[in-house]
């Protein structure tokens, strides 16, 4: 029995198989809508900033000649 998933854009049932060209989307239209959402930043992957700006100052990144060779 093939796996059936819902299109993330329009919720149409999509068979997850080699013949489904746009999986997990039902059509090229839905695939492009999703791509546009990512391009316009409606979707994003949350990122936790692990760098403390004060730590960079302590390492010397605030010195004028740090990047000069």
N, C-alpha and C. Protein backbone atom coordinates (compact mmCIF):
# COMPACT_ATOMS: atom_id res chain seq x y z
N UNK A 1 0.84 -1.17 0.00
CA UNK A 1 0.00 0.00 0.00
C UNK A 1 0.89 1.24 0.00
N UNK A 2 0.71 2.16 -0.96
CA UNK A 2 1.57 3.35 -1.04
C UNK A 2 1.24 4.34 0.09
N UNK A 3 2.24 5.08 0.47
CA UNK A 3 2.09 6.09 1.50
C UNK A 3 1.38 7.30 0.90
N UNK A 4 0.38 7.82 1.59
CA UNK A 4 -0.35 9.00 1.14
C UNK A 4 -0.05 10.13 2.13
N UNK A 5 0.39 11.27 1.59
CA UNK A 5 0.68 12.45 2.41
C UNK A 5 -0.18 13.61 1.93
N UNK A 6 -0.29 14.63 2.74
CA UNK A 6 -1.04 15.84 2.37
C UNK A 6 -0.07 16.87 1.81
N UNK A 7 -0.48 17.52 0.73
CA UNK A 7 0.31 18.62 0.17
C UNK A 7 0.39 19.73 1.24
N UNK A 8 1.60 20.23 1.53
CA UNK A 8 1.75 21.25 2.57
C UNK A 8 1.06 22.57 2.25
N UNK A 9 0.75 22.81 0.99
CA UNK A 9 0.13 24.07 0.60
C UNK A 9 -1.39 23.98 0.56
N UNK A 10 -1.92 22.99 -0.15
CA UNK A 10 -3.37 22.93 -0.36
C UNK A 10 -4.05 21.73 0.31
N UNK A 11 -3.29 20.88 0.94
CA UNK A 11 -3.78 19.70 1.67
C UNK A 11 -4.41 18.62 0.78
N UNK A 12 -4.13 18.64 -0.50
CA UNK A 12 -4.57 17.57 -1.39
C UNK A 12 -3.77 16.31 -1.08
N UNK A 13 -4.40 15.14 -1.17
CA UNK A 13 -3.69 13.88 -0.94
C UNK A 13 -2.72 13.61 -2.07
N UNK A 14 -1.51 13.22 -1.70
CA UNK A 14 -0.45 12.95 -2.68
C UNK A 14 0.14 11.58 -2.37
N UNK A 15 0.25 10.75 -3.39
CA UNK A 15 0.88 9.43 -3.22
C UNK A 15 2.39 9.61 -3.23
N UNK A 16 3.06 9.09 -2.21
CA UNK A 16 4.52 9.19 -2.12
C UNK A 16 5.13 8.03 -2.89
N UNK A 17 5.42 8.29 -4.16
CA UNK A 17 5.99 7.26 -5.02
C UNK A 17 6.88 7.92 -6.06
N UNK A 18 7.57 7.08 -6.82
CA UNK A 18 8.47 7.59 -7.86
C UNK A 18 7.71 8.33 -8.96
N UNK A 19 6.45 8.02 -9.13
CA UNK A 19 5.66 8.68 -10.19
C UNK A 19 5.15 10.06 -9.76
N UNK A 20 5.24 10.38 -8.49
CA UNK A 20 4.81 11.70 -8.01
C UNK A 20 5.98 12.68 -8.19
N UNK A 21 5.91 13.47 -9.24
CA UNK A 21 7.04 14.32 -9.62
C UNK A 21 7.32 15.45 -8.64
N UNK A 22 6.29 15.92 -7.95
CA UNK A 22 6.47 17.12 -7.13
C UNK A 22 6.36 16.84 -5.63
N UNK A 23 6.47 15.56 -5.22
CA UNK A 23 6.29 15.21 -3.82
C UNK A 23 7.19 16.04 -2.91
N UNK A 24 6.73 16.50 -1.81
CA UNK A 24 5.46 16.24 -1.15
C UNK A 24 4.32 17.13 -1.65
N UNK A 25 4.57 17.92 -2.68
CA UNK A 25 3.54 18.80 -3.22
C UNK A 25 2.72 18.07 -4.26
N UNK A 26 1.50 18.56 -4.49
CA UNK A 26 0.63 17.90 -5.47
C UNK A 26 0.90 18.39 -6.88
N UNK A 27 1.50 19.55 -7.04
CA UNK A 27 1.71 20.13 -8.36
C UNK A 27 2.91 21.08 -8.34
N UNK A 28 3.33 21.47 -9.52
CA UNK A 28 4.41 22.44 -9.62
C UNK A 28 3.98 23.78 -9.03
N UNK A 29 2.71 24.12 -9.20
CA UNK A 29 2.18 25.36 -8.65
C UNK A 29 2.38 25.42 -7.14
N UNK A 30 1.99 24.37 -6.43
CA UNK A 30 2.16 24.34 -4.98
C UNK A 30 3.64 24.37 -4.59
N UNK A 31 4.48 23.70 -5.37
CA UNK A 31 5.92 23.71 -5.10
C UNK A 31 6.47 25.12 -5.22
N UNK A 32 6.04 25.87 -6.25
CA UNK A 32 6.52 27.23 -6.45
C UNK A 32 5.96 28.19 -5.40
N UNK A 33 4.75 27.97 -4.94
CA UNK A 33 4.19 28.79 -3.86
C UNK A 33 5.05 28.62 -2.62
N UNK A 34 5.42 27.40 -2.30
CA UNK A 34 6.27 27.14 -1.13
C UNK A 34 7.64 27.78 -1.30
N UNK A 35 8.22 27.67 -2.48
CA UNK A 35 9.52 28.29 -2.74
C UNK A 35 9.43 29.80 -2.56
N UNK A 36 8.35 30.40 -3.05
CA UNK A 36 8.14 31.84 -2.87
C UNK A 36 8.02 32.22 -1.41
N UNK A 37 7.36 31.37 -0.61
CA UNK A 37 7.24 31.64 0.83
C UNK A 37 8.60 31.64 1.50
N UNK A 38 9.48 30.71 1.11
CA UNK A 38 10.84 30.69 1.67
C UNK A 38 11.62 31.92 1.20
N UNK A 39 11.47 32.27 -0.08
CA UNK A 39 12.21 33.41 -0.64
C UNK A 39 11.78 34.73 0.01
N UNK A 40 10.50 34.85 0.35
CA UNK A 40 10.01 36.08 0.98
C UNK A 40 10.14 36.04 2.50
N UNK A 41 10.78 34.99 3.01
CA UNK A 41 11.07 34.80 4.43
C UNK A 41 9.81 34.64 5.29
N UNK A 42 8.73 34.10 4.69
CA UNK A 42 7.57 33.72 5.49
C UNK A 42 7.91 32.50 6.34
N UNK A 43 8.83 31.67 5.83
CA UNK A 43 9.34 30.52 6.57
C UNK A 43 10.80 30.81 6.92
N UNK A 44 11.24 30.32 8.05
CA UNK A 44 12.66 30.44 8.40
C UNK A 44 13.02 29.34 9.38
N UNK A 45 14.29 29.06 9.44
CA UNK A 45 14.81 28.07 10.38
C UNK A 45 15.38 28.85 11.56
N UNK A 46 14.83 28.65 12.75
CA UNK A 46 15.33 29.42 13.90
C UNK A 46 16.77 29.05 14.23
N UNK A 47 17.55 30.06 14.52
CA UNK A 47 18.96 29.86 14.83
C UNK A 47 19.25 30.55 16.15
N UNK A 48 19.90 29.83 17.03
CA UNK A 48 20.30 30.40 18.32
C UNK A 48 21.71 30.95 18.17
N UNK A 49 21.86 32.21 18.51
CA UNK A 49 23.17 32.84 18.42
C UNK A 49 24.02 32.38 19.60
N UNK A 50 25.08 31.65 19.34
CA UNK A 50 25.95 31.12 20.39
C UNK A 50 27.12 32.05 20.71
N UNK A 51 27.23 33.16 19.98
CA UNK A 51 28.37 34.05 20.16
C UNK A 51 27.94 35.24 21.01
N UNK A 52 28.66 35.47 22.06
CA UNK A 52 28.42 36.62 22.93
C UNK A 52 29.25 37.78 22.39
N UNK A 53 28.61 38.91 22.03
CA UNK A 53 29.37 40.04 21.48
C UNK A 53 30.47 40.54 22.41
N UNK A 54 30.25 40.46 23.71
CA UNK A 54 31.30 40.90 24.64
C UNK A 54 32.52 40.00 24.56
N UNK A 55 32.31 38.72 24.26
CA UNK A 55 33.42 37.79 24.13
C UNK A 55 34.31 38.20 22.95
N UNK A 56 33.71 38.70 21.86
CA UNK A 56 34.49 39.14 20.71
C UNK A 56 35.38 40.32 21.08
N UNK A 57 34.85 41.24 21.89
CA UNK A 57 35.66 42.37 22.34
C UNK A 57 36.85 41.88 23.16
N UNK A 58 36.60 40.90 24.02
CA UNK A 58 37.68 40.36 24.85
C UNK A 58 38.75 39.67 24.01
N UNK A 59 38.37 39.13 22.85
CA UNK A 59 39.33 38.43 21.98
C UNK A 59 40.12 39.40 21.12
N UNK A 60 39.76 40.69 21.13
CA UNK A 60 40.53 41.67 20.37
C UNK A 60 39.91 42.04 19.03
N UNK A 61 38.69 41.60 18.75
CA UNK A 61 38.07 41.95 17.47
C UNK A 61 37.70 43.42 17.38
N UNK A 62 37.69 44.14 18.50
CA UNK A 62 37.34 45.55 18.47
C UNK A 62 38.55 46.45 18.20
N UNK A 63 39.74 45.88 18.12
CA UNK A 63 40.92 46.66 17.85
C UNK A 63 40.96 47.07 16.38
N UNK A 64 41.39 48.30 16.11
CA UNK A 64 41.36 48.86 14.75
C UNK A 64 42.18 48.04 13.76
N UNK A 65 43.32 47.56 14.15
CA UNK A 65 44.21 46.89 13.20
C UNK A 65 44.07 45.36 13.20
N UNK A 66 42.98 44.84 13.79
CA UNK A 66 42.82 43.39 13.87
C UNK A 66 42.79 42.73 12.48
N UNK A 67 42.08 43.36 11.53
CA UNK A 67 41.93 42.74 10.21
C UNK A 67 42.98 43.19 9.21
N UNK A 68 43.83 44.08 9.59
CA UNK A 68 44.90 44.53 8.70
C UNK A 68 46.08 43.58 8.79
N UNK A 69 46.74 43.39 7.66
CA UNK A 69 47.88 42.48 7.66
C UNK A 69 49.17 43.22 7.41
